[in-house]
C-alpha atoms as a PDB file:
ATOM      1  CA  MET A   1      99.051  47.387 194.762  1.00  0.00           C
ATOM      2  CA  PHE A   2      97.018  47.482 191.515  1.00  0.00           C
ATOM      3  CA  PHE A   3      96.064  51.139 191.951  1.00  0.00           C
ATOM      4  CA  LYS A   4      99.625  52.023 192.863  1.00  0.00           C
ATOM      5  CA  GLU A   5     100.859  50.458 189.598  1.00  0.00           C
ATOM      6  CA  GLN A   6      98.160  52.342 187.665  1.00  0.00           C
ATOM      7  CA  LYS A   7      99.293  55.620 189.192  1.00  0.00           C
ATOM      8  CA  ILE A   8     102.907  54.924 188.239  1.00  0.00           C
ATOM      9  CA  ALA A   9     101.825  54.089 184.678  1.00  0.00           C
ATOM     10  CA  VAL A  10      99.836  57.330 184.342  1.00  0.00           C
ATOM     11  CA  VAL A  11     102.778  59.386 185.623  1.00  0.00           C
ATOM     12  CA  ALA A  12     105.078  57.614 183.157  1.00  0.00           C
ATOM     13  CA  LEU A  13     102.722  58.354 180.266  1.00  0.00           C
ATOM     14  CA  TRP A  14     102.502  62.034 181.177  1.00  0.00           C
ATOM     15  CA  PHE A  15     106.285  62.179 181.437  1.00  0.00           C
ATOM     16  CA  LEU A  16     106.608  60.586 177.977  1.00  0.00           C
ATOM     17  CA  PHE A  17     104.083  63.060 176.522  1.00  0.00           C
ATOM     18  CA  PHE A  18     105.910  66.119 177.814  1.00  0.00           C
ATOM     19  CA  PHE A  19     109.283  64.711 176.761  1.00  0.00           C
ATOM     20  CA  CYS A  20     108.054  64.209 173.179  1.00  0.00           C
ATOM     21  CA  TYR A  21     106.382  67.622 173.129  1.00  0.00           C
ATOM     22  CA  PHE A  22     109.410  69.546 174.239  1.00  0.00           C
ATOM     23  CA  THR A  23     112.047  67.588 172.323  1.00  0.00           C
ATOM     24  CA  ILE A  24     110.143  67.167 169.067  1.00  0.00           C
ATOM     25  CA  GLY A  25     107.108  69.444 168.894  1.00  0.00           C
ATOM     26  CA  VAL A  26     108.649  72.638 170.196  1.00  0.00           C
ATOM     27  CA  ARG A  27     111.836  72.035 168.257  1.00  0.00           C
ATOM     28  CA  ASN A  28     109.846  72.097 165.016  1.00  0.00           C
ATOM     29  CA  ILE A  29     107.662  75.112 165.728  1.00  0.00           C
ATOM     30  CA  SER A  30     109.793  77.393 167.867  1.00  0.00           C
ATOM     31  CA  TYR A  31     112.123  79.913 166.316  1.00  0.00           C
ATOM     32  CA  GLY A  32     115.196  81.495 167.717  1.00  0.00           C
ATOM     33  CA  GLU A  33     118.900  80.873 167.757  1.00  0.00           C
ATOM     34  CA  ASN A  34     118.394  77.116 167.392  1.00  0.00           C
ATOM     35  CA  ALA A  35     115.403  77.269 165.048  1.00  0.00           C
ATOM     36  CA  ILE A  36     114.286  74.173 163.211  1.00  0.00           C
ATOM     37  CA  CYS A  37     111.602  73.880 160.566  1.00  0.00           C
ATOM     38  CA  PRO A  38     110.991  70.545 158.813  1.00  0.00           C
ATOM     39  CA  HIS A  39     110.287  72.294 155.483  1.00  0.00           C
ATOM     40  CA  GLU A  40     112.782  73.551 152.947  1.00  0.00           C
ATOM     41  CA  ASP A  41     110.702  76.729 152.763  1.00  0.00           C
ATOM     42  CA  TRP A  42     110.635  78.078 156.305  1.00  0.00           C
ATOM     43  CA  THR A  43     107.682  80.374 155.596  1.00  0.00           C
ATOM     44  CA  GLU A  44     105.559  77.217 155.749  1.00  0.00           C
ATOM     45  CA  CYS A  45     106.314  77.010 159.477  1.00  0.00           C
ATOM     46  CA  ALA A  46     104.868  80.457 160.167  1.00  0.00           C
ATOM     47  CA  ASP A  47     101.635  80.570 162.160  1.00  0.00           C
ATOM     48  CA  GLU A  48      98.364  81.275 160.365  1.00  0.00           C
ATOM     49  CA  ARG A  49      98.174  84.828 161.680  1.00  0.00           C
ATOM     50  CA  THR A  50     101.536  85.626 160.084  1.00  0.00           C
ATOM     51  CA  LYS A  51     100.639  83.912 156.812  1.00  0.00           C
ATOM     52  CA  ARG A  52      97.476  86.010 156.507  1.00  0.00           C
ATOM     53  CA  ASN A  53      99.742  89.026 155.986  1.00  0.00           C
ATOM     54  CA  TRP A  54     101.544  87.328 153.073  1.00  0.00           C
ATOM     55  CA  ILE A  55      99.673  87.599 149.790  1.00  0.00           C
ATOM     56  CA  GLU A  56     101.144  84.409 148.327  1.00  0.00           C
ATOM     57  CA  TYR A  57      99.330  82.441 151.076  1.00  0.00           C
ATOM     58  CA  ALA A  58      95.891  83.983 150.422  1.00  0.00           C
ATOM     59  CA  PRO A  59      93.370  81.101 150.651  1.00  0.00           C
ATOM     60  CA  ASP A  60      91.454  81.938 147.457  1.00  0.00           C
ATOM     61  CA  TRP A  61      94.246  81.365 144.930  1.00  0.00           C
ATOM     62  CA  LYS A  62      93.182  78.797 142.333  1.00  0.00           C
ATOM     63  CA  LEU A  63      95.744  76.922 140.255  1.00  0.00           C
ATOM     64  CA  LEU A  64      95.164  77.836 136.632  1.00  0.00           C
ATOM     65  CA  LYS A  65      97.944  75.954 134.872  1.00  0.00           C
ATOM     66  CA  ARG A  66     101.423  74.537 135.096  1.00  0.00           C
ATOM     67  CA  LYS A  67     103.756  75.595 132.276  1.00  0.00           C
ATOM     68  CA  GLY A  68     107.045  73.760 132.616  1.00  0.00           C
ATOM     69  CA  ASP A  69     108.224  74.442 136.155  1.00  0.00           C
ATOM     70  CA  VAL A  70     106.100  77.589 136.557  1.00  0.00           C
ATOM     71  CA  LEU A  71     102.808  77.454 138.433  1.00  0.00           C
ATOM     72  CA  VAL A  72     100.236  80.101 137.507  1.00  0.00           C
ATOM     73  CA  TYR A  73      97.350  80.954 139.854  1.00  0.00           C
ATOM     74  CA  ARG A  74      94.352  83.286 139.684  1.00  0.00           C
ATOM     75  CA  ARG A  75      91.935  84.910 142.052  1.00  0.00           C
ATOM     76  CA  GLN A  76      89.214  87.498 141.532  1.00  0.00           C
ATOM     77  CA  LEU A  77      89.348  90.764 143.446  1.00  0.00           C
ATOM     78  CA  PRO A  78      86.193  92.579 144.637  1.00  0.00           C
ATOM     79  CA  SER A  79      86.559  94.962 141.669  1.00  0.00           C
ATOM     80  CA  GLY A  80      86.109  92.021 139.293  1.00  0.00           C
ATOM     81  CA  ILE A  81      89.708  92.276 138.062  1.00  0.00           C
ATOM     82  CA  ILE A  82      91.705  89.072 138.047  1.00  0.00           C
ATOM     83  CA  GLN A  83      94.913  88.994 140.069  1.00  0.00           C
ATOM     84  CA  CYS A  84      97.522  86.512 138.817  1.00  0.00           C
ATOM     85  CA  LYS A  85     100.412  84.833 140.584  1.00  0.00           C
ATOM     86  CA  ALA A  86     103.333  82.925 139.066  1.00  0.00           C
ATOM     87  CA  GLU A  87     105.586  80.771 141.213  1.00  0.00           C
ATOM     88  CA  LYS A  88     108.962  79.297 140.256  1.00  0.00           C
ATOM     89  CA  ILE A  89     112.013  77.787 141.913  1.00  0.00           C
ATOM     90  CA  ILE A  90     115.034  79.778 140.754  1.00  0.00           C
ATOM     91  CA  TYR A  91     118.592  78.565 141.237  1.00  0.00           C
ATOM     92  CA  ALA A  92     120.495  81.726 142.056  1.00  0.00           C
ATOM     93  CA  ARG A  93     121.935  83.391 145.135  1.00  0.00           C
ATOM     94  CA  PRO A  94     119.332  85.401 147.080  1.00  0.00           C
ATOM     95  CA  GLU A  95     121.517  88.518 147.045  1.00  0.00           C
ATOM     96  CA  VAL A  96     121.753  88.325 143.238  1.00  0.00           C
ATOM     97  CA  ILE A  97     117.955  88.106 142.997  1.00  0.00           C
ATOM     98  CA  GLU A  98     117.717  91.101 145.325  1.00  0.00           C
ATOM     99  CA  GLN A  99     120.088  93.172 143.185  1.00  0.00           C
ATOM    100  CA  LEU A 100     118.114  92.568 139.996  1.00  0.00           C
ATOM    101  CA  VAL A 101     114.916  93.642 141.764  1.00  0.00           C
ATOM    102  CA  ARG A 102     116.693  96.862 142.746  1.00  0.00           C
ATOM    103  CA  ASP A 103     117.629  97.703 139.142  1.00  0.00           C
ATOM    104  CA  VAL A 104     114.583  99.752 138.095  1.00  0.00           C
ATOM    105  CA  PRO A 105     115.602 100.385 134.440  1.00  0.00           C
ATOM    106  CA  ALA A 106     115.988  96.605 134.051  1.00  0.00           C
ATOM    107  CA  TYR A 107     112.235  96.207 134.641  1.00  0.00           C
ATOM    108  CA  ALA A 108     111.800  97.060 130.968  1.00  0.00           C
ATOM    109  CA  GLU A 109     113.798  93.923 130.135  1.00  0.00           C
ATOM    110  CA  PHE A 110     112.233  91.332 132.414  1.00  0.00           C
ATOM    111  CA  MET A 111     108.670  92.575 133.009  1.00  0.00           C
ATOM    112  CA  HIS A 112     106.476  91.277 130.211  1.00  0.00           C
ATOM    113  CA  ASN A 113     105.526  94.062 127.757  1.00  0.00           C
ATOM    114  CA  CYS A 114     107.189  96.765 129.869  1.00  0.00           C
ATOM    115  CA  LYS A 115     108.544  99.455 127.533  1.00  0.00           C
ATOM    116  CA  HIS A 116     110.149 101.785 130.066  1.00  0.00           C
ATOM    117  CA  ALA A 117     110.861 102.060 133.798  1.00  0.00           C
ATOM    118  CA  GLN A 118     112.523 104.981 135.525  1.00  0.00           C
ATOM    119  CA  THR A 119     113.083 106.106 139.110  1.00  0.00           C
ATOM    120  CA  ILE A 120     111.462 109.513 139.624  1.00  0.00           C
ATOM    121  CA  LYS A 121     112.213 109.989 143.319  1.00  0.00           C
ATOM    122  CA  GLU A 122     114.384 108.007 145.723  1.00  0.00           C
ATOM    123  CA  PHE A 123     113.475 108.655 149.352  1.00  0.00           C
ATOM    124  CA  THR A 124     115.661 105.713 150.396  1.00  0.00           C
ATOM    125  CA  ASP A 125     116.973 102.725 148.458  1.00  0.00           C
ATOM    126  CA  GLU A 126     113.829 100.889 149.597  1.00  0.00           C
ATOM    127  CA  ASP A 127     111.286 103.671 149.067  1.00  0.00           C
ATOM    128  CA  LEU A 128     111.024 104.903 145.486  1.00  0.00           C
ATOM    129  CA  VAL A 129     108.589 106.558 143.106  1.00  0.00           C
ATOM    130  CA  ILE A 130     108.785 104.855 139.703  1.00  0.00           C
ATOM    131  CA  HIS A 131     107.280 105.686 136.310  1.00  0.00           C
ATOM    132  CA  ASN A 132     106.666 102.712 134.061  1.00  0.00           C
ATOM    133  CA  VAL A 133     105.106 102.190 130.630  1.00  0.00           C
ATOM    134  CA  THR A 134     103.391  98.989 129.472  1.00  0.00           C
ATOM    135  CA  ALA A 135     102.573  98.092 125.869  1.00  0.00           C
ATOM    136  CA  LEU A 136      99.092  96.789 125.017  1.00  0.00           C
ATOM    137  CA  PRO A 137      97.941  95.048 121.830  1.00  0.00           C
ATOM    138  CA  TRP A 138      97.269  97.291 118.829  1.00  0.00           C
ATOM    139  CA  PRO A 139      95.309  99.557 118.457  1.00  0.00           C
ATOM    140  CA  LEU A 140      95.388 100.353 122.183  1.00  0.00           C
ATOM    141  CA  GLN A 141      97.713 103.066 123.456  1.00  0.00           C
ATOM    142  CA  PRO A 142     100.497 102.096 125.859  1.00  0.00           C
ATOM    143  CA  ARG A 143      99.550 102.540 129.511  1.00  0.00           C
ATOM    144  CA  ASP A 144     101.779 104.386 131.927  1.00  0.00           C
ATOM    145  CA  GLY A 145     101.613 104.445 135.696  1.00  0.00           C
ATOM    146  CA  VAL A 146     103.345 106.045 138.655  1.00  0.00           C
ATOM    147  CA  VAL A 147     104.014 103.586 141.473  1.00  0.00           C
ATOM    148  CA  ARG A 148     105.601 103.683 144.870  1.00  0.00           C
ATOM    149  CA  THR A 149     107.572 100.829 146.378  1.00  0.00           C
ATOM    150  CA  ARG A 150     107.394  99.227 149.787  1.00  0.00           C
ATOM    151  CA  VAL A 151     109.984  96.668 150.915  1.00  0.00           C
ATOM    152  CA  THR A 152     109.511  94.173 153.743  1.00  0.00           C
ATOM    153  CA  LYS A 153     112.010  91.590 154.996  1.00  0.00           C
ATOM    154  CA  ASP A 154     111.521  88.741 157.446  1.00  0.00           C
ATOM    155  CA  TRP A 155     114.803  87.124 158.465  1.00  0.00           C
ATOM    156  CA  LYS A 156     113.002  84.767 160.834  1.00  0.00           C
ATOM    157  CA  TYR A 157     111.471  82.909 157.900  1.00  0.00           C
ATOM    158  CA  GLY A 158     113.703  84.059 155.025  1.00  0.00           C
ATOM    159  CA  ARG A 159     111.128  86.113 153.139  1.00  0.00           C
ATOM    160  CA  PHE A 160     111.764  89.242 151.019  1.00  0.00           C
ATOM    161  CA  GLU A 161     108.949  91.283 149.417  1.00  0.00           C
ATOM    162  CA  VAL A 162     108.864  94.313 147.138  1.00  0.00           C
ATOM    163  CA  LEU A 163     105.432  95.821 146.499  1.00  0.00           C
ATOM    164  CA  CYS A 164     104.919  98.431 143.767  1.00  0.00           C
ATOM    165  CA  TYR A 165     101.495 100.045 144.105  1.00  0.00           C
ATOM    166  CA  GLY A 166      99.869 102.627 141.847  1.00  0.00           C
ATOM    167  CA  LEU A 167      99.462 106.222 142.947  1.00  0.00           C
ATOM    168  CA  HIS A 168      96.084 107.789 142.225  1.00  0.00           C
ATOM    169  CA  SER A 169      95.249 111.237 140.899  1.00  0.00           C
ATOM    170  CA  PRO A 170      96.301 113.934 141.707  1.00  0.00           C
ATOM    171  CA  GLU A 171      99.379 112.443 143.390  1.00  0.00           C
ATOM    172  CA  SER A 172     100.252 110.488 140.247  1.00  0.00           C
ATOM    173  CA  GLU A 173     100.294 113.665 138.118  1.00  0.00           C
ATOM    174  CA  LYS A 174     102.255 115.496 140.794  1.00  0.00           C
ATOM    175  CA  TRP A 175     105.213 113.205 140.110  1.00  0.00           C
ATOM    176  CA  VAL A 176     104.743 112.691 136.367  1.00  0.00           C
ATOM    177  CA  PRO A 177     102.448 114.945 134.291  1.00  0.00           C
ATOM    178  CA  PRO A 178     100.285 113.229 131.643  1.00  0.00           C
ATOM    179  CA  VAL A 179     102.410 112.009 128.744  1.00  0.00           C
ATOM    180  CA  LYS A 180     101.154 112.431 125.185  1.00  0.00           C
ATOM    181  CA  GLY A 181     100.508 109.072 123.528  1.00  0.00           C
ATOM    182  CA  TYR A 182     100.022 107.223 126.831  1.00  0.00           C
ATOM    183  CA  THR A 183      96.887 106.494 128.845  1.00  0.00           C
ATOM    184  CA  ARG A 184      97.484 106.808 132.579  1.00  0.00           C
ATOM    185  CA  MET A 185      96.463 103.871 134.766  1.00  0.00           C
ATOM    186  CA  TYR A 186      96.112 104.142 138.516  1.00  0.00           C
ATOM    187  CA  GLU A 187      94.856 100.820 139.811  1.00  0.00           C
ATOM    188  CA  ILE A 188      97.890  98.542 139.810  1.00  0.00           C
ATOM    189  CA  SER A 189      99.876  96.419 142.233  1.00  0.00           C
ATOM    190  CA  VAL A 190     102.933  94.285 141.542  1.00  0.00           C
ATOM    191  CA  TYR A 191     104.573  92.020 144.121  1.00  0.00           C
ATOM    192  CA  MET A 192     108.031  90.548 143.711  1.00  0.00           C
ATOM    193  CA  ILE A 193     108.581  88.017 146.480  1.00  0.00           C
ATOM    194  CA  MET A 194     111.402  85.625 147.318  1.00  0.00           C
ATOM    195  CA  HIS A 195     111.528  82.814 149.867  1.00  0.00           C
ATOM    196  CA  ILE A 196     115.132  81.871 150.627  1.00  0.00           C
ATOM    197  CA  LEU A 197     115.426  78.091 150.258  1.00  0.00           C
ATOM    198  CA  GLY A 198     119.200  77.884 150.358  1.00  0.00           C
ATOM    199  CA  ARG A 199     122.447  79.578 149.468  1.00  0.00           C
ATOM    200  CA  GLU A 200     121.858  79.033 145.737  1.00  0.00           C
ATOM    201  CA  LYS A 201     118.083  78.640 145.619  1.00  0.00           C
ATOM    202  CA  GLY A 202     114.920  80.666 146.082  1.00  0.00           C
ATOM    203  CA  LYS A 203     111.207  80.337 145.503  1.00  0.00           C
ATOM    204  CA  CYS A 204     110.165  83.416 143.537  1.00  0.00           C
ATOM    205  CA  TYR A 205     106.708  84.885 143.023  1.00  0.00           C
ATOM    206  CA  TYR A 206     105.477  87.564 140.670  1.00  0.00           C
ATOM    207  CA  ILE A 207     101.950  88.751 141.459  1.00  0.00           C
ATOM    208  CA  ILE A 208     100.078  91.387 139.469  1.00  0.00           C
ATOM    209  CA  HIS A 209      96.712  93.013 139.099  1.00  0.00           C
ATOM    210  CA  ALA A 210      96.013  96.085 136.973  1.00  0.00           C
ATOM    211  CA  ASP A 211      93.167  98.091 135.542  1.00  0.00           C
ATOM    212  CA  PRO A 212      94.630  99.538 132.325  1.00  0.00           C
ATOM    213  CA  THR A 213      91.854 102.160 132.068  1.00  0.00           C
ATOM    214  CA  GLY A 214      89.437 102.043 129.177  1.00  0.00           C
ATOM    215  CA  VAL A 215      89.831  98.318 128.423  1.00  0.00           C
ATOM    216  CA  PRO A 216      86.804  96.034 128.941  1.00  0.00           C
ATOM    217  CA  LEU A 217      87.128  93.892 132.051  1.00  0.00           C
ATOM    218  CA  PHE A 218      86.816  90.600 130.168  1.00  0.00           C
ATOM    219  CA  ALA A 219      89.725  91.599 127.902  1.00  0.00           C
ATOM    220  CA  VAL A 220      91.889  92.613 130.865  1.00  0.00           C
ATOM    221  CA  ASN A 221      91.308  89.251 132.526  1.00  0.00           C
ATOM    222  CA  LEU A 222      92.103  87.357 129.323  1.00  0.00           C
ATOM    223  CA  LEU A 223      95.445  89.127 128.941  1.00  0.00           C
ATOM    224  CA  MET A 224      96.582  88.914 132.543  1.00  0.00           C
ATOM    225  CA  ASP A 225      97.842  85.306 132.760  1.00  0.00           C
ATOM    226  CA  GLU A 226     100.845  85.751 130.493  1.00  0.00           C
ATOM    227  CA  TYR A 227     102.334  88.649 132.465  1.00  0.00           C
ATOM    228  CA  PRO A 228     103.569  86.826 135.577  1.00  0.00           C
ATOM    229  CA  TYR A 229     104.569  83.692 133.676  1.00  0.00           C
ATOM    230  CA  ARG A 230     106.748  85.427 131.099  1.00  0.00           C
ATOM    231  CA  THR A 231     108.125  87.867 133.650  1.00  0.00           C
ATOM    232  CA  LEU A 232     109.536  85.087 135.833  1.00  0.00           C
ATOM    233  CA  LEU A 233     111.148  83.391 132.833  1.00  0.00           C
ATOM    234  CA  ASN A 234     112.784  86.665 131.740  1.00  0.00           C
ATOM    235  CA  PHE A 235     113.827  87.394 135.312  1.00  0.00           C
ATOM    236  CA  GLU A 236     115.566  84.032 135.660  1.00  0.00           C
ATOM    237  CA  LYS A 237     117.588  84.558 132.462  1.00  0.00           C
ATOM    238  CA  MET A 238     118.849  87.966 133.588  1.00  0.00           C
ATOM    239  CA  LEU A 239     120.170  86.545 136.863  1.00  0.00           C
ATOM    240  CA  GLN A 240     123.010  84.935 134.912  1.00  0.00           C
ATOM    241  CA  ARG A 241     124.509  88.320 134.074  1.00  0.00           C
ATOM    242  CA  GLU A 242     127.831  89.127 135.649  1.00  0.00           C
ATOM    243  CA  LYS A 243     126.538  92.594 136.571  1.00  0.00           C
ATOM    244  CA  TYR A 244     124.078  91.226 139.137  1.00  0.00           C
ATOM    245  CA  ILE A 245     126.404  88.508 140.391  1.00  0.00           C
ATOM    246  CA  SER A 246     129.024  91.176 141.134  1.00  0.00           C
ATOM    247  CA  LEU A 247     126.511  93.527 142.744  1.00  0.00           C
ATOM    248  CA  GLY A 248     125.251  90.684 144.920  1.00  0.00           C
ATOM    249  CA  LYS A 249     128.673  90.436 146.564  1.00  0.00           C
ATOM    250  CA  LYS A 250     128.178  94.003 147.825  1.00  0.00           C
ATOM    251  CA  SER A 251     124.578  93.572 149.007  1.00  0.00           C
ATOM    252  CA  LYS A 252     123.833  95.260 152.313  1.00  0.00           C
ATOM    253  CA  TYR A 253     121.719  92.215 153.175  1.00  0.00           C
ATOM    254  CA  LEU A 254     124.560  89.740 152.659  1.00  0.00           C
ATOM    255  CA  PRO A 255     125.236  89.227 156.418  1.00  0.00           C
ATOM    256  CA  GLN A 256     121.553  88.488 157.115  1.00  0.00           C
ATOM    257  CA  ILE A 257     121.266  86.160 154.113  1.00  0.00           C
ATOM    258  CA  GLU A 258     124.371  84.213 155.096  1.00  0.00           C
ATOM    259  CA  ALA A 259     123.272  84.006 158.736  1.00  0.00           C
ATOM    260  CA  PHE A 260     119.840  82.681 157.744  1.00  0.00           C
ATOM    261  CA  CYS A 261     121.284  80.102 155.344  1.00  0.00           C
ATOM    262  CA  LYS A 262     123.781  78.916 157.967  1.00  0.00           C
ATOM    263  CA  LEU A 263     120.944  78.536 160.454  1.00  0.00           C
ATOM    264  CA  LYS A 264     118.981  76.471 157.921  1.00  0.00           C
ATOM    265  CA  GLN A 265     122.008  74.301 157.199  1.00  0.00           C
ATOM    266  CA  HIS A 266     122.670  73.776 160.893  1.00  0.00           C
ATOM    267  CA  ALA A 267     119.019  72.867 161.490  1.00  0.00           C
ATOM    268  CA  SER A 268     118.981  70.339 158.648  1.00  0.00           C
ATOM    269  CA  GLN A 269     121.921  68.493 160.196  1.00  0.00           C
ATOM    270  CA  LYS A 270     120.169  67.944 163.515  1.00  0.00           C
END
């Protein structure tokens, strides 16, 4: 009788384990029509393999400072150049954020020290060649660069990324010949990333590294911190403009954004 009772107890424990696993564990890590993630930012529920492809989750970021509600991070690339990341919660509709990112001439207003930005070639509305000019402290010449964009979207986790990466010679000069008074830079990457937290809220990142050509490495690294910090502050201010609010209502991503936010809302009520 004793062994029979033990057997029943073991079976009951196994049943309880599988019940908890499938009703709680799987619910929190599986994704689909009835997805649930316990975090406000659903990218945090992605598996480690997926996160390795997202630059904001690189393991070697080191927190440099907190300025107000902006977090600024650094990491050193193999070239010795410092890459900087700024992170900020922005209270705006995701489609409005997306529309400002699409407005290339506006980069000269929100990107710190950007003097000029112009679309040179539009293959699609998500694949562009852009010419931009950045001011440097006197007596250094402004630096210009030719970059190409790459857009990625992940509606499973609510993540939107725009990468602008520098084109090297001779491709750079093929699109924009050398400009008198500017020094061409080639090694540059800028990431503008949004995690959709809600219908009126996003976590935004601005990540940059650049070799402005001809500037000592120590000076480059000293200057770099201010760029992402000030860019995010400028970016947030511009989101209040009626132009971008109106454009957001016509966003081609509006159905996906609304579907994702409804899914999040539904999940939070469970």
